[in-house]
Full PDB file with SEQRES, HELIX, SHEET, SSBOND, CRYST1, ORIGX, SCALE, CONECT and MASTER records, all heavy atoms in Angstrom:
SEQRES   1 A   34  LEU LEU ALA ILE GLY LEU GLU PHE VAL MET LEU GLY LEU          
SEQRES   2 A   34  MET ALA PHE THR LEU PHE TYR THR GLU GLU GLU GLU ARG          
SEQRES   3 A   34  MET ASP LYS MET LEU LYS LYS MET                              
HELIX    1 AA1 LEU A    2  PHE A   19  1                                  18    
HELIX    2 AA2 MET A   27  LYS A   33  1                                   7    
CRYST1    1.000    1.000    1.000  90.00  90.00  90.00 P 1           1          
ORIGX1      1.000000  0.000000  0.000000        0.00000                         
ORIGX2      0.000000  1.000000  0.000000        0.00000                         
ORIGX3      0.000000  0.000000  1.000000        0.00000                         
SCALE1      1.000000  0.000000  0.000000        0.00000                         
SCALE2      0.000000  1.000000  0.000000        0.00000                         
SCALE3      0.000000  0.000000  1.000000        0.00000                         
ATOM      1  N   LEU A   1     152.322 119.960  69.002  1.00  0.00           N  
ATOM      2  CA  LEU A   1     152.147 121.325  68.707  1.00  0.00           C  
ATOM      3  C   LEU A   1     153.295 121.914  67.924  1.00  0.00           C  
ATOM      4  O   LEU A   1     153.130 122.810  67.064  1.00  0.00           O  
ATOM      5  CB  LEU A   1     151.961 122.136  69.997  1.00  0.00           C  
ATOM      6  CG  LEU A   1     150.636 121.890  70.771  1.00  0.00           C  
ATOM      7  CD1 LEU A   1     150.693 122.657  72.098  1.00  0.00           C  
ATOM      8  CD2 LEU A   1     149.394 122.283  69.919  1.00  0.00           C  
ATOM      9  N   LEU A   2     154.506 121.433  68.220  1.00  0.00           N  
ATOM     10  CA  LEU A   2     155.696 121.845  67.464  1.00  0.00           C  
ATOM     11  C   LEU A   2     155.534 121.486  65.959  1.00  0.00           C  
ATOM     12  O   LEU A   2     155.767 122.224  65.049  1.00  0.00           O  
ATOM     13  CB  LEU A   2     156.922 121.258  68.011  1.00  0.00           C  
ATOM     14  CG  LEU A   2     158.225 121.543  67.241  1.00  0.00           C  
ATOM     15  CD1 LEU A   2     158.619 123.049  67.199  1.00  0.00           C  
ATOM     16  CD2 LEU A   2     159.341 120.705  67.853  1.00  0.00           C  
ATOM     17  N   ALA A   3     155.175 120.261  65.698  1.00  0.00           N  
ATOM     18  CA  ALA A   3     154.962 119.814  64.299  1.00  0.00           C  
ATOM     19  C   ALA A   3     153.863 120.594  63.556  1.00  0.00           C  
ATOM     20  O   ALA A   3     153.966 121.017  62.436  1.00  0.00           O  
ATOM     21  CB  ALA A   3     154.676 118.328  64.249  1.00  0.00           C  
ATOM     22  N   ILE A   4     152.772 120.816  64.296  1.00  0.00           N  
ATOM     23  CA  ILE A   4     151.616 121.587  63.690  1.00  0.00           C  
ATOM     24  C   ILE A   4     152.084 123.049  63.437  1.00  0.00           C  
ATOM     25  O   ILE A   4     151.819 123.591  62.380  1.00  0.00           O  
ATOM     26  CB  ILE A   4     150.439 121.609  64.688  1.00  0.00           C  
ATOM     27  CG1 ILE A   4     149.921 120.158  64.748  1.00  0.00           C  
ATOM     28  CG2 ILE A   4     149.353 122.567  64.158  1.00  0.00           C  
ATOM     29  CD1 ILE A   4     148.765 120.059  65.744  1.00  0.00           C  
ATOM     30  N   GLY A   5     152.858 123.607  64.358  1.00  0.00           N  
ATOM     31  CA  GLY A   5     153.339 124.989  64.163  1.00  0.00           C  
ATOM     32  C   GLY A   5     154.377 125.066  63.019  1.00  0.00           C  
ATOM     33  O   GLY A   5     154.320 126.011  62.277  1.00  0.00           O  
ATOM     34  N   LEU A   6     155.189 124.037  62.847  1.00  0.00           N  
ATOM     35  CA  LEU A   6     156.140 124.016  61.761  1.00  0.00           C  
ATOM     36  C   LEU A   6     155.385 124.026  60.403  1.00  0.00           C  
ATOM     37  O   LEU A   6     155.715 124.763  59.516  1.00  0.00           O  
ATOM     38  CB  LEU A   6     157.031 122.823  61.891  1.00  0.00           C  
ATOM     39  CG  LEU A   6     158.020 122.567  60.682  1.00  0.00           C  
ATOM     40  CD1 LEU A   6     158.980 123.672  60.534  1.00  0.00           C  
ATOM     41  CD2 LEU A   6     158.784 121.228  60.925  1.00  0.00           C  
ATOM     42  N   GLU A   7     154.379 123.101  60.294  1.00  0.00           N  
ATOM     43  CA  GLU A   7     153.647 123.043  59.022  1.00  0.00           C  
ATOM     44  C   GLU A   7     152.851 124.384  58.858  1.00  0.00           C  
ATOM     45  O   GLU A   7     152.738 124.806  57.707  1.00  0.00           O  
ATOM     46  CB  GLU A   7     152.686 121.885  59.074  1.00  0.00           C  
ATOM     47  CG  GLU A   7     151.934 121.609  57.771  1.00  0.00           C  
ATOM     48  CD  GLU A   7     152.753 121.358  56.613  1.00  0.00           C  
ATOM     49  OE1 GLU A   7     154.043 121.197  56.783  1.00  0.00           O  
ATOM     50  OE2 GLU A   7     152.206 121.347  55.485  1.00  0.00           O  
ATOM     51  N   PHE A   8     152.346 124.926  59.932  1.00  0.00           N  
ATOM     52  CA  PHE A   8     151.620 126.180  59.751  1.00  0.00           C  
ATOM     53  C   PHE A   8     152.518 127.289  59.188  1.00  0.00           C  
ATOM     54  O   PHE A   8     152.111 128.007  58.267  1.00  0.00           O  
ATOM     55  CB  PHE A   8     151.026 126.608  61.135  1.00  0.00           C  
ATOM     56  CG  PHE A   8     150.494 128.004  61.117  1.00  0.00           C  
ATOM     57  CD1 PHE A   8     149.359 128.378  60.576  1.00  0.00           C  
ATOM     58  CD2 PHE A   8     151.311 129.084  61.717  1.00  0.00           C  
ATOM     59  CE1 PHE A   8     148.849 129.684  60.551  1.00  0.00           C  
ATOM     60  CE2 PHE A   8     150.854 130.350  61.792  1.00  0.00           C  
ATOM     61  CZ  PHE A   8     149.599 130.696  61.148  1.00  0.00           C  
ATOM     62  N   VAL A   9     153.687 127.352  59.663  1.00  0.00           N  
ATOM     63  CA  VAL A   9     154.647 128.423  59.208  1.00  0.00           C  
ATOM     64  C   VAL A   9     155.067 128.123  57.748  1.00  0.00           C  
ATOM     65  O   VAL A   9     155.095 129.117  56.944  1.00  0.00           O  
ATOM     66  CB  VAL A   9     155.875 128.422  60.071  1.00  0.00           C  
ATOM     67  CG1 VAL A   9     157.022 129.301  59.463  1.00  0.00           C  
ATOM     68  CG2 VAL A   9     155.529 128.950  61.500  1.00  0.00           C  
ATOM     69  N   MET A  10     155.257 126.934  57.449  1.00  0.00           N  
ATOM     70  CA  MET A  10     155.688 126.563  56.023  1.00  0.00           C  
ATOM     71  C   MET A  10     154.654 126.826  55.060  1.00  0.00           C  
ATOM     72  O   MET A  10     154.813 127.348  53.959  1.00  0.00           O  
ATOM     73  CB  MET A  10     156.253 125.099  55.976  1.00  0.00           C  
ATOM     74  CG  MET A  10     157.494 124.891  56.734  1.00  0.00           C  
ATOM     75  SD  MET A  10     158.887 125.779  56.175  1.00  0.00           S  
ATOM     76  CE  MET A  10     158.970 127.064  57.367  1.00  0.00           C  
ATOM     77  N   LEU A  11     153.396 126.355  55.384  1.00  0.00           N  
ATOM     78  CA  LEU A  11     152.203 126.637  54.526  1.00  0.00           C  
ATOM     79  C   LEU A  11     151.921 128.088  54.371  1.00  0.00           C  
ATOM     80  O   LEU A  11     151.480 128.556  53.311  1.00  0.00           O  
ATOM     81  CB  LEU A  11     151.000 125.797  54.980  1.00  0.00           C  
ATOM     82  CG  LEU A  11     151.080 124.280  54.789  1.00  0.00           C  
ATOM     83  CD1 LEU A  11     149.823 123.652  55.384  1.00  0.00           C  
ATOM     84  CD2 LEU A  11     151.298 123.881  53.330  1.00  0.00           C  
ATOM     85  N   GLY A  12     152.094 128.806  55.428  1.00  0.00           N  
ATOM     86  CA  GLY A  12     151.814 130.242  55.402  1.00  0.00           C  
ATOM     87  C   GLY A  12     152.841 130.982  54.482  1.00  0.00           C  
ATOM     88  O   GLY A  12     152.430 131.815  53.714  1.00  0.00           O  
ATOM     89  N   LEU A  13     154.102 130.513  54.549  1.00  0.00           N  
ATOM     90  CA  LEU A  13     155.149 131.117  53.709  1.00  0.00           C  
ATOM     91  C   LEU A  13     154.816 130.740  52.285  1.00  0.00           C  
ATOM     92  O   LEU A  13     155.078 131.541  51.349  1.00  0.00           O  
ATOM     93  CB  LEU A  13     156.511 130.588  54.152  1.00  0.00           C  
ATOM     94  CG  LEU A  13     157.601 131.112  53.333  1.00  0.00           C  
ATOM     95  CD1 LEU A  13     157.766 132.603  53.409  1.00  0.00           C  
ATOM     96  CD2 LEU A  13     158.992 130.544  53.833  1.00  0.00           C  
ATOM     97  N   MET A  14     154.461 129.463  52.065  1.00  0.00           N  
ATOM     98  CA  MET A  14     154.121 129.030  50.669  1.00  0.00           C  
ATOM     99  C   MET A  14     152.839 129.794  50.141  1.00  0.00           C  
ATOM    100  O   MET A  14     152.937 130.236  48.896  1.00  0.00           O  
ATOM    101  CB  MET A  14     153.782 127.585  50.647  1.00  0.00           C  
ATOM    102  CG  MET A  14     153.628 126.942  49.330  1.00  0.00           C  
ATOM    103  SD  MET A  14     153.307 125.155  49.444  1.00  0.00           S  
ATOM    104  CE  MET A  14     153.118 124.767  47.657  1.00  0.00           C  
ATOM    105  N   ALA A  15     151.881 130.058  50.939  1.00  0.00           N  
ATOM    106  CA  ALA A  15     150.697 130.826  50.436  1.00  0.00           C  
ATOM    107  C   ALA A  15     151.173 132.220  50.075  1.00  0.00           C  
ATOM    108  O   ALA A  15     150.680 132.836  49.175  1.00  0.00           O  
ATOM    109  CB  ALA A  15     149.635 130.795  51.525  1.00  0.00           C  
ATOM    110  N   PHE A  16     151.978 132.816  50.974  1.00  0.00           N  
ATOM    111  CA  PHE A  16     152.458 134.187  50.780  1.00  0.00           C  
ATOM    112  C   PHE A  16     153.252 134.340  49.492  1.00  0.00           C  
ATOM    113  O   PHE A  16     153.174 135.216  48.664  1.00  0.00           O  
ATOM    114  CB  PHE A  16     153.284 134.622  51.924  1.00  0.00           C  
ATOM    115  CG  PHE A  16     153.613 136.094  51.941  1.00  0.00           C  
ATOM    116  CD1 PHE A  16     152.648 137.045  52.136  1.00  0.00           C  
ATOM    117  CD2 PHE A  16     154.910 136.478  51.831  1.00  0.00           C  
ATOM    118  CE1 PHE A  16     152.934 138.394  52.171  1.00  0.00           C  
ATOM    119  CE2 PHE A  16     155.265 137.868  51.813  1.00  0.00           C  
ATOM    120  CZ  PHE A  16     154.270 138.776  52.020  1.00  0.00           C  
ATOM    121  N   THR A  17     154.084 133.306  49.184  1.00  0.00           N  
ATOM    122  CA  THR A  17     154.882 133.249  47.948  1.00  0.00           C  
ATOM    123  C   THR A  17     154.040 133.104  46.721  1.00  0.00           C  
ATOM    124  O   THR A  17     154.249 133.769  45.729  1.00  0.00           O  
ATOM    125  CB  THR A  17     155.926 132.105  48.070  1.00  0.00           C  
ATOM    126  OG1 THR A  17     156.732 132.293  49.281  1.00  0.00           O  
ATOM    127  CG2 THR A  17     156.792 132.125  46.809  1.00  0.00           C  
ATOM    128  N   LEU A  18     153.036 132.208  46.799  1.00  0.00           N  
ATOM    129  CA  LEU A  18     152.159 132.013  45.693  1.00  0.00           C  
ATOM    130  C   LEU A  18     151.281 133.239  45.394  1.00  0.00           C  
ATOM    131  O   LEU A  18     151.017 133.493  44.228  1.00  0.00           O  
ATOM    132  CB  LEU A  18     151.189 130.779  45.939  1.00  0.00           C  
ATOM    133  CG  LEU A  18     151.883 129.402  45.873  1.00  0.00           C  
ATOM    134  CD1 LEU A  18     150.864 128.343  46.288  1.00  0.00           C  
ATOM    135  CD2 LEU A  18     152.491 129.109  44.567  1.00  0.00           C  
ATOM    136  N   PHE A  19     150.990 134.006  46.489  1.00  0.00           N  
ATOM    137  CA  PHE A  19     150.165 135.207  46.193  1.00  0.00           C  
ATOM    138  C   PHE A  19     150.863 136.180  45.329  1.00  0.00           C  
ATOM    139  O   PHE A  19     150.263 136.969  44.561  1.00  0.00           O  
ATOM    140  CB  PHE A  19     149.876 135.854  47.534  1.00  0.00           C  
ATOM    141  CG  PHE A  19     149.031 137.143  47.492  1.00  0.00           C  
ATOM    142  CD1 PHE A  19     147.612 137.010  47.323  1.00  0.00           C  
ATOM    143  CD2 PHE A  19     149.640 138.316  47.583  1.00  0.00           C  
ATOM    144  CE1 PHE A  19     146.906 138.165  47.197  1.00  0.00           C  
ATOM    145  CE2 PHE A  19     148.910 139.523  47.519  1.00  0.00           C  
ATOM    146  CZ  PHE A  19     147.507 139.427  47.318  1.00  0.00           C  
ATOM    147  N   TYR A  20     152.231 136.261  45.460  1.00  0.00           N  
ATOM    148  CA  TYR A  20     153.072 137.232  44.630  1.00  0.00           C  
ATOM    149  C   TYR A  20     153.719 136.601  43.432  1.00  0.00           C  
ATOM    150  O   TYR A  20     154.503 137.267  42.747  1.00  0.00           O  
ATOM    151  CB  TYR A  20     154.116 137.842  45.582  1.00  0.00           C  
ATOM    152  CG  TYR A  20     153.531 138.882  46.543  1.00  0.00           C  
ATOM    153  CD1 TYR A  20     153.382 138.495  47.862  1.00  0.00           C  
ATOM    154  CD2 TYR A  20     153.219 140.118  46.114  1.00  0.00           C  
ATOM    155  CE1 TYR A  20     152.875 139.511  48.739  1.00  0.00           C  
ATOM    156  CE2 TYR A  20     152.678 141.080  46.976  1.00  0.00           C  
ATOM    157  CZ  TYR A  20     152.574 140.726  48.361  1.00  0.00           C  
ATOM    158  OH  TYR A  20     152.051 141.635  49.256  1.00  0.00           O  
ATOM    159  N   THR A  21     153.414 135.355  43.151  1.00  0.00           N  
ATOM    160  CA  THR A  21     153.980 134.734  41.959  1.00  0.00           C  
ATOM    161  C   THR A  21     153.301 135.231  40.739  1.00  0.00           C  
ATOM    162  O   THR A  21     152.044 135.187  40.689  1.00  0.00           O  
ATOM    163  CB  THR A  21     153.931 133.197  42.137  1.00  0.00           C  
ATOM    164  OG1 THR A  21     154.631 132.764  43.324  1.00  0.00           O  
ATOM    165  CG2 THR A  21     154.524 132.517  40.906  1.00  0.00           C  
ATOM    166  N   GLU A  22     154.035 135.596  39.740  1.00  0.00           N  
ATOM    167  CA  GLU A  22     153.413 136.078  38.521  1.00  0.00           C  
ATOM    168  C   GLU A  22     152.769 134.996  37.701  1.00  0.00           C  
ATOM    169  O   GLU A  22     153.283 133.837  37.734  1.00  0.00           O  
ATOM    170  CB  GLU A  22     154.473 136.830  37.639  1.00  0.00           C  
ATOM    171  CG  GLU A  22     154.979 138.097  38.255  1.00  0.00           C  
ATOM    172  CD  GLU A  22     153.952 139.190  38.365  1.00  0.00           C  
ATOM    173  OE1 GLU A  22     153.011 139.135  37.583  1.00  0.00           O  
ATOM    174  OE2 GLU A  22     154.168 140.080  39.183  1.00  0.00           O  
ATOM    175  N   GLU A  23     151.654 135.295  37.144  1.00  0.00           N  
ATOM    176  CA  GLU A  23     150.931 134.327  36.203  1.00  0.00           C  
ATOM    177  C   GLU A  23     151.834 134.033  34.962  1.00  0.00           C  
ATOM    178  O   GLU A  23     152.465 134.961  34.460  1.00  0.00           O  
ATOM    179  CB  GLU A  23     149.640 134.808  35.833  1.00  0.00           C  
ATOM    180  CG  GLU A  23     148.611 135.034  36.949  1.00  0.00           C  
ATOM    181  CD  GLU A  23     148.133 133.703  37.502  1.00  0.00           C  
ATOM    182  OE1 GLU A  23     148.243 132.655  36.834  1.00  0.00           O  
ATOM    183  OE2 GLU A  23     147.658 133.704  38.663  1.00  0.00           O  
ATOM    184  N   GLU A  24     151.820 132.846  34.534  1.00  0.00           N  
ATOM    185  CA  GLU A  24     152.566 132.457  33.332  1.00  0.00           C  
ATOM    186  C   GLU A  24     151.812 133.003  32.134  1.00  0.00           C  
ATOM    187  O   GLU A  24     150.612 133.101  32.115  1.00  0.00           O  
ATOM    188  CB  GLU A  24     152.716 130.980  33.198  1.00  0.00           C  
ATOM    189  CG  GLU A  24     153.541 130.330  34.262  1.00  0.00           C  
ATOM    190  CD  GLU A  24     153.738 128.784  34.050  1.00  0.00           C  
ATOM    191  OE1 GLU A  24     153.190 128.344  33.064  1.00  0.00           O  
ATOM    192  OE2 GLU A  24     154.486 128.208  34.871  1.00  0.00           O  
ATOM    193  N   GLU A  25     152.627 133.350  31.152  1.00  0.00           N  
ATOM    194  CA  GLU A  25     152.025 133.918  29.916  1.00  0.00           C  
ATOM    195  C   GLU A  25     151.208 132.889  29.215  1.00  0.00           C  
ATOM    196  O   GLU A  25     151.574 131.685  29.202  1.00  0.00           O  
ATOM    197  CB  GLU A  25     153.184 134.433  29.001  1.00  0.00           C  
ATOM    198  CG  GLU A  25     152.633 135.315  27.875  1.00  0.00           C  
ATOM    199  CD  GLU A  25     153.827 135.987  27.091  1.00  0.00           C  
ATOM    200  OE1 GLU A  25     154.925 135.745  27.462  1.00  0.00           O  
ATOM    201  OE2 GLU A  25     153.531 136.662  26.113  1.00  0.00           O  
ATOM    202  N   ARG A  26     150.168 133.276  28.490  1.00  0.00           N  
ATOM    203  CA  ARG A  26     149.333 132.382  27.812  1.00  0.00           C  
ATOM    204  C   ARG A  26     150.115 131.623  26.783  1.00  0.00           C  
ATOM    205  O   ARG A  26     150.916 132.224  26.026  1.00  0.00           O  
ATOM    206  CB  ARG A  26     148.176 133.110  27.207  1.00  0.00           C  
ATOM    207  CG  ARG A  26     147.093 133.541  28.095  1.00  0.00           C  
ATOM    208  CD  ARG A  26     146.041 134.390  27.493  1.00  0.00           C  
ATOM    209  NE  ARG A  26     145.627 133.881  26.229  1.00  0.00           N  
ATOM    210  CZ  ARG A  26     144.828 134.580  25.308  1.00  0.00           C  
ATOM    211  NH1 ARG A  26     144.377 135.713  25.748  1.00  0.00           N  
ATOM    212  NH2 ARG A  26     144.509 134.049  24.202  1.00  0.00           N  
ATOM    213  N   MET A  27     149.798 130.342  26.542  1.00  0.00           N  
ATOM    214  CA  MET A  27     150.544 129.550  25.555  1.00  0.00           C  
ATOM    215  C   MET A  27     150.357 130.009  24.221  1.00  0.00           C  
ATOM    216  O   MET A  27     151.275 129.922  23.411  1.00  0.00           O  
ATOM    217  CB  MET A  27     150.135 128.132  25.798  1.00  0.00           C  
ATOM    218  CG  MET A  27     150.928 127.095  24.956  1.00  0.00           C  
ATOM    219  SD  MET A  27     152.682 127.165  25.333  1.00  0.00           S  
ATOM    220  CE  MET A  27     152.624 126.527  27.010  1.00  0.00           C  
ATOM    221  N   ASP A  28     149.135 130.459  23.902  1.00  0.00           N  
ATOM    222  CA  ASP A  28     148.890 130.889  22.492  1.00  0.00           C  
ATOM    223  C   ASP A  28     149.736 132.054  22.140  1.00  0.00           C  
ATOM    224  O   ASP A  28     150.283 132.184  20.954  1.00  0.00           O  
ATOM    225  CB  ASP A  28     147.400 131.120  22.227  1.00  0.00           C  
ATOM    226  CG  ASP A  28     146.881 132.162  23.193  1.00  0.00           C  
ATOM    227  OD1 ASP A  28     147.487 132.469  24.246  1.00  0.00           O  
ATOM    228  OD2 ASP A  28     145.813 132.717  22.922  1.00  0.00           O  
ATOM    229  N   LYS A  29     149.879 133.033  23.094  1.00  0.00           N  
ATOM    230  CA  LYS A  29     150.782 134.179  22.828  1.00  0.00           C  
ATOM    231  C   LYS A  29     152.197 133.753  22.655  1.00  0.00           C  
ATOM    232  O   LYS A  29     152.953 134.275  21.873  1.00  0.00           O  
ATOM    233  CB  LYS A  29     150.561 135.157  23.960  1.00  0.00           C  
ATOM    234  CG  LYS A  29     149.267 135.901  23.953  1.00  0.00           C  
ATOM    235  CD  LYS A  29     149.231 136.989  25.009  1.00  0.00           C  
ATOM    236  CE  LYS A  29     147.935 137.769  24.918  1.00  0.00           C  
ATOM    237  NZ  LYS A  29     147.944 138.909  25.848  1.00  0.00           N  
ATOM    238  N   MET A  30     152.716 132.808  23.490  1.00  0.00           N  
ATOM    239  CA  MET A  30     154.022 132.384  23.426  1.00  0.00           C  
ATOM    240  C   MET A  30     154.350 131.735  22.087  1.00  0.00           C  
ATOM    241  O   MET A  30     155.354 131.965  21.464  1.00  0.00           O  
ATOM    242  CB  MET A  30     154.347 131.463  24.531  1.00  0.00           C  
ATOM    243  CG  MET A  30     154.328 132.080  25.957  1.00  0.00           C  
ATOM    244  SD  MET A  30     154.605 130.856  27.281  1.00  0.00           S  
ATOM    245  CE  MET A  30     156.292 130.434  26.959  1.00  0.00           C  
ATOM    246  N   LEU A  31     153.383 130.916  21.650  1.00  0.00           N  
ATOM    247  CA  LEU A  31     153.563 130.224  20.368  1.00  0.00           C  
ATOM    248  C   LEU A  31     153.596 131.312  19.207  1.00  0.00           C  
ATOM    249  O   LEU A  31     154.249 131.165  18.268  1.00  0.00           O  
ATOM    250  CB  LEU A  31     152.450 129.206  20.092  1.00  0.00           C  
ATOM    251  CG  LEU A  31     152.466 128.016  21.087  1.00  0.00           C  
ATOM    252  CD1 LEU A  31     151.244 127.125  20.842  1.00  0.00           C  
ATOM    253  CD2 LEU A  31     153.700 127.182  20.882  1.00  0.00           C  
ATOM    254  N   LYS A  32     152.765 132.344  19.356  1.00  0.00           N  
ATOM    255  CA  LYS A  32     152.672 133.333  18.274  1.00  0.00           C  
ATOM    256  C   LYS A  32     153.984 134.059  18.211  1.00  0.00           C  
ATOM    257  O   LYS A  32     154.582 134.342  17.097  1.00  0.00           O  
ATOM    258  CB  LYS A  32     151.557 134.273  18.611  1.00  0.00           C  
ATOM    259  CG  LYS A  32     151.438 135.451  17.629  1.00  0.00           C  
ATOM    260  CD  LYS A  32     151.057 134.981  16.200  1.00  0.00           C  
ATOM    261  CE  LYS A  32     150.644 136.060  15.262  1.00  0.00           C  
ATOM    262  NZ  LYS A  32     151.677 137.081  15.157  1.00  0.00           N  
ATOM    263  N   LYS A  33     154.592 134.381  19.423  1.00  0.00           N  
ATOM    264  CA  LYS A  33     155.847 135.096  19.338  1.00  0.00           C  
ATOM    265  C   LYS A  33     156.997 134.237  18.794  1.00  0.00           C  
ATOM    266  O   LYS A  33     157.878 134.728  18.102  1.00  0.00           O  
ATOM    267  CB  LYS A  33     156.171 135.625  20.680  1.00  0.00           C  
ATOM    268  CG  LYS A  33     155.189 136.766  21.184  1.00  0.00           C  
ATOM    269  CD  LYS A  33     155.493 137.172  22.647  1.00  0.00           C  
ATOM    270  CE  LYS A  33     154.436 138.269  23.001  1.00  0.00           C  
ATOM    271  NZ  LYS A  33     154.646 138.687  24.425  1.00  0.00           N  
ATOM    272  N   MET A  34     156.952 132.950  19.087  1.00  0.00           N  
ATOM    273  CA  MET A  34     157.959 131.999  18.665  1.00  0.00           C  
ATOM    274  C   MET A  34     157.847 131.905  17.125  1.00  0.00           C  
ATOM    275  O   MET A  34     158.804 131.827  16.414  1.00  0.00           O  
ATOM    276  CB  MET A  34     157.809 130.675  19.279  1.00  0.00           C  
ATOM    277  CG  MET A  34     158.166 130.629  20.782  1.00  0.00           C  
ATOM    278  SD  MET A  34     157.797 129.079  21.549  1.00  0.00           S  
ATOM    279  CE  MET A  34     158.872 127.983  20.612  1.00  0.00           C  
TER     280      MET A  34                                                      
MASTER        0    0    0    2    0    0    0    6  279    1    0    3          
END                                                                             
């Protein structure tokens, strides 16, 4: 249960972080600006 709880906490934190991670800019726009 300790190992399961540890993985639950880490995956929950990872999901929370990914939810607020900004999307990368489209490659075609980046190439156009370059």
